[in-house]
């Protein structure tokens, strides 16, 4: 059992406050003054696991809801989750929102080290364009790493992207519920 006195964070592979996680956002400005703002996951959960989770060992901490949120954010750190394109006058032209999922976690031989392995992947991309007006046009692309092409299904054993679905303007694409762009192994987006 882990005691309160043994928790000094010395067992972490990267000591607390010693890792630069990049900037949470950056703005790119082209020669015309048009701007693109990109936002990135920083790996923080906005909470601290409870005292019981921190002092009662591995089983208690992995069951803690705050730890689960922290773990998910940690495994997604550095990934771009939002892009906003603006004119030089500040008018929004387009936005892109990317959603991610984290598969089962392997805590490795040293579960307290922070060196965990998991398959994290792009689950959906929402692209919205304001085509010169105030009414947006949205395209949603969903990525499935299972053979059923469904949310909540178990992941394919090798992390292979098996299905991609596209939706236009929030409505079924060409009168169907969804359109399968590709089935079977396809090129994977945003893979590290």
Protein backbone atom coordinates (compact mmCIF):
# COMPACT_ATOMS: atom_id res chain seq x y z
CA UNK A 1 0.00 0.00 0.00
CA UNK A 2 1.23 3.48 -0.82
CA UNK A 3 1.47 5.79 2.20
CA UNK A 4 1.14 9.55 2.30
CA UNK A 5 4.83 9.93 3.12
CA UNK A 6 5.91 7.90 0.08
CA UNK A 7 4.09 10.20 -2.33
CA UNK A 8 6.81 12.64 -3.31
CA UNK A 9 6.37 12.31 -7.07
CA UNK A 10 9.99 11.12 -7.38
CA UNK A 11 8.78 8.00 -9.19
CA UNK A 12 7.44 10.00 -12.13
CA UNK A 13 9.39 9.52 -15.36
CA UNK A 14 9.14 13.27 -15.97
CA UNK A 15 9.14 15.28 -12.71
CA UNK A 16 6.24 17.58 -11.95
CA UNK A 17 6.49 21.03 -13.65
CA UNK A 18 9.52 19.93 -15.73
CA UNK A 19 7.85 19.23 -19.08
CA UNK A 20 7.09 21.92 -21.64
CA UNK A 21 3.83 20.91 -23.30
CA UNK A 22 3.90 23.48 -26.04
CA UNK A 23 1.58 26.42 -26.33
CA UNK A 24 -2.16 25.95 -25.83
CA UNK A 25 -2.75 27.97 -29.00
CA UNK A 26 -0.93 29.87 -31.71
CA UNK A 27 -1.98 32.35 -34.37
CA UNK A 28 -0.55 32.33 -37.87
CA UNK A 29 -0.89 35.56 -39.86
CA UNK A 30 -0.39 35.55 -43.62
CA UNK A 31 0.84 38.56 -45.66
CA UNK A 32 -2.74 39.77 -46.26
CA UNK A 33 -3.45 39.90 -42.51
CA UNK A 34 -5.72 36.83 -42.51
CA UNK A 35 -5.29 34.78 -39.35
CA UNK A 36 -5.48 31.10 -38.45
CA UNK A 37 -5.73 30.20 -34.75
CA UNK A 38 -4.80 26.63 -33.78
CA UNK A 39 -5.58 25.20 -30.32
CA UNK A 40 -3.87 22.19 -28.75
CA UNK A 41 -4.63 19.76 -25.92
CA UNK A 42 -2.34 20.54 -22.96
CA UNK A 43 -2.90 17.38 -20.95
CA UNK A 44 -4.46 19.02 -17.90
CA UNK A 45 -7.75 17.78 -16.46
CA UNK A 46 -8.70 20.73 -14.23
CA UNK A 47 -9.02 18.54 -11.14
CA UNK A 48 -6.84 16.67 -8.63
CA UNK A 49 -7.46 13.00 -7.81
CA UNK A 50 -8.90 12.53 -4.31
CA UNK A 51 -6.66 11.81 -1.31
CA UNK A 52 -7.87 8.21 -1.09
CA UNK A 53 -6.91 7.62 -4.72
CA UNK A 54 -3.45 9.09 -4.16
CA UNK A 55 -2.69 7.08 -1.02
CA UNK A 56 -4.36 3.69 -1.49
CA UNK A 57 -2.45 2.34 -4.46
CA UNK A 58 -2.99 1.49 -8.11
CA UNK A 59 -6.54 0.06 -7.94
CA UNK A 60 -7.85 3.13 -6.09
CA UNK A 61 -6.27 5.67 -8.40
CA UNK A 62 -7.33 4.06 -11.68
CA UNK A 63 -10.93 3.94 -10.37
CA UNK A 64 -10.90 7.68 -9.54
CA UNK A 65 -12.98 9.73 -12.04
CA UNK A 66 -10.56 12.67 -11.93
CA UNK A 67 -7.63 10.35 -12.65
CA UNK A 68 -9.53 8.90 -15.64
CA UNK A 69 -10.04 12.42 -17.00
CA UNK A 70 -6.39 13.30 -16.36
CA UNK A 71 -5.22 10.09 -18.05
CA UNK A 72 -7.32 10.80 -21.14
CA UNK A 73 -5.99 14.36 -21.43
CA UNK A 74 -2.42 13.19 -20.83
CA UNK A 75 -2.64 10.67 -23.66
CA UNK A 76 -3.96 13.37 -26.04
CA UNK A 77 -1.52 16.16 -25.16
CA UNK A 78 -0.13 18.08 -28.11
CA UNK A 79 -2.97 17.20 -30.47
CA UNK A 80 -4.72 19.96 -32.38
CA UNK A 81 -8.42 20.11 -31.44
CA UNK A 82 -9.62 23.41 -32.96
CA UNK A 83 -8.72 25.62 -35.92
CA UNK A 84 -10.33 28.97 -36.69
CA UNK A 85 -9.65 30.90 -39.91
CA UNK A 86 -10.40 34.65 -40.03
CA UNK A 87 -10.09 37.44 -42.55
CA UNK A 88 -7.83 40.38 -41.77
CA UNK A 89 -10.95 42.17 -40.49
CA UNK A 90 -11.71 39.39 -37.98
CA UNK A 91 -14.62 37.79 -39.89
CA UNK A 92 -14.66 34.03 -39.27
CA UNK A 93 -14.36 32.08 -42.53
CA UNK A 94 -14.06 28.50 -41.28
CA UNK A 95 -13.62 26.40 -38.16
CA UNK A 96 -12.50 22.82 -37.69
CA UNK A 97 -13.10 20.83 -34.53
CA UNK A 98 -11.41 17.47 -34.00
CA UNK A 99 -12.59 14.89 -31.46
CA UNK A 100 -10.38 12.14 -30.12
CA UNK A 101 -10.91 8.87 -28.27
CA UNK A 102 -8.55 6.81 -26.14
CA UNK A 103 -8.61 3.02 -26.29
CA UNK A 104 -7.73 0.59 -23.48
CA UNK A 105 -4.72 1.67 -21.39
CA UNK A 106 -1.70 -0.48 -20.59
CA UNK A 107 -0.11 0.86 -17.39
CA UNK A 108 3.17 -0.98 -18.20
CA UNK A 109 5.47 -2.53 -15.59
CA UNK A 110 5.65 0.76 -13.61
CA UNK A 111 2.07 2.05 -13.36
CA UNK A 112 2.96 5.08 -11.23
CA UNK A 113 5.64 6.33 -13.65
CA UNK A 114 3.25 8.05 -16.05
CA UNK A 115 4.68 6.04 -18.96
CA UNK A 116 1.41 4.52 -20.12
CA UNK A 117 0.50 3.10 -23.50
CA UNK A 118 -2.85 3.47 -25.21
CA UNK A 119 -4.24 3.75 -28.69
CA UNK A 120 -5.56 7.30 -29.08
CA UNK A 121 -7.19 8.22 -32.35
CA UNK A 122 -9.21 10.80 -34.24
CA UNK A 123 -12.89 9.88 -33.91
CA UNK A 124 -14.55 12.79 -35.74
CA UNK A 125 -13.75 16.02 -37.58
CA UNK A 126 -16.33 18.81 -37.92
CA UNK A 127 -15.52 21.36 -40.64
CA UNK A 128 -17.71 24.47 -40.73
CA UNK A 129 -17.51 27.15 -43.43
CA UNK A 130 -19.31 30.49 -43.51
CA UNK A 131 -19.57 30.93 -47.25
CA UNK A 132 -19.71 34.71 -47.22
CA UNK A 133 -22.70 34.86 -44.91
CA UNK A 134 -23.96 34.06 -41.46
CA UNK A 135 -25.35 30.60 -42.27
CA UNK A 136 -22.70 27.94 -41.77
CA UNK A 137 -22.20 24.82 -43.85
CA UNK A 138 -20.92 21.88 -41.82
CA UNK A 139 -19.32 18.66 -42.93
CA UNK A 140 -18.75 15.89 -40.36
CA UNK A 141 -16.39 12.99 -40.95
CA UNK A 142 -16.37 10.09 -38.48
CA UNK A 143 -13.62 7.49 -38.21
CA UNK A 144 -14.22 3.95 -36.93
CA UNK A 145 -11.59 1.49 -35.85
CA UNK A 146 -13.95 -1.47 -35.67
CA UNK A 147 -15.64 -3.65 -38.26
CA UNK A 148 -19.18 -2.65 -37.28
CA UNK A 149 -18.60 1.05 -38.08
CA UNK A 150 -20.37 1.97 -34.84
CA UNK A 151 -19.67 3.98 -31.69
CA UNK A 152 -18.95 1.88 -28.63
CA UNK A 153 -17.82 -1.17 -30.59
CA UNK A 154 -14.58 -2.83 -29.59
CA UNK A 155 -11.47 -1.62 -31.37
CA UNK A 156 -9.95 -3.69 -34.14
CA UNK A 157 -6.96 -5.57 -32.73
CA UNK A 158 -4.28 -3.72 -34.70
CA UNK A 159 -5.73 -0.20 -34.56
CA UNK A 160 -6.62 -0.27 -38.23
CA UNK A 161 -9.03 2.35 -39.55
CA UNK A 162 -11.84 0.27 -41.03
CA UNK A 163 -14.60 2.72 -41.87
CA UNK A 164 -15.06 6.42 -42.59
CA UNK A 165 -18.51 8.07 -42.70
CA UNK A 166 -19.34 11.53 -44.04
CA UNK A 167 -22.30 13.76 -43.26
CA UNK A 168 -23.10 17.05 -45.04
CA UNK A 169 -24.77 20.02 -43.28
CA UNK A 170 -25.93 17.73 -40.48
CA UNK A 171 -28.26 15.86 -42.84
CA UNK A 172 -27.90 12.41 -44.36
CA UNK A 173 -25.50 12.45 -47.26
CA UNK A 174 -27.37 12.06 -50.59
CA UNK A 175 -30.49 10.69 -48.94
CA UNK A 176 -28.70 7.99 -46.94
CA UNK A 177 -28.03 7.87 -43.20
CA UNK A 178 -24.34 8.01 -43.96
CA UNK A 179 -21.94 7.29 -46.73
CA UNK A 180 -19.09 4.85 -46.27
CA UNK A 181 -16.12 6.43 -47.99
CA UNK A 182 -13.94 3.42 -47.47
CA UNK A 183 -14.13 0.03 -45.81
CA UNK A 184 -11.16 -2.08 -44.89
CA UNK A 185 -7.75 -0.65 -44.06
CA UNK A 186 -7.52 3.02 -45.07
CA UNK A 187 -5.03 5.81 -44.45
CA UNK A 188 -5.23 6.98 -40.84
CA UNK A 189 -5.61 10.69 -39.99
CA UNK A 190 -3.49 12.48 -37.35
CA UNK A 191 -1.61 9.36 -36.34
CA UNK A 192 1.59 9.87 -34.40
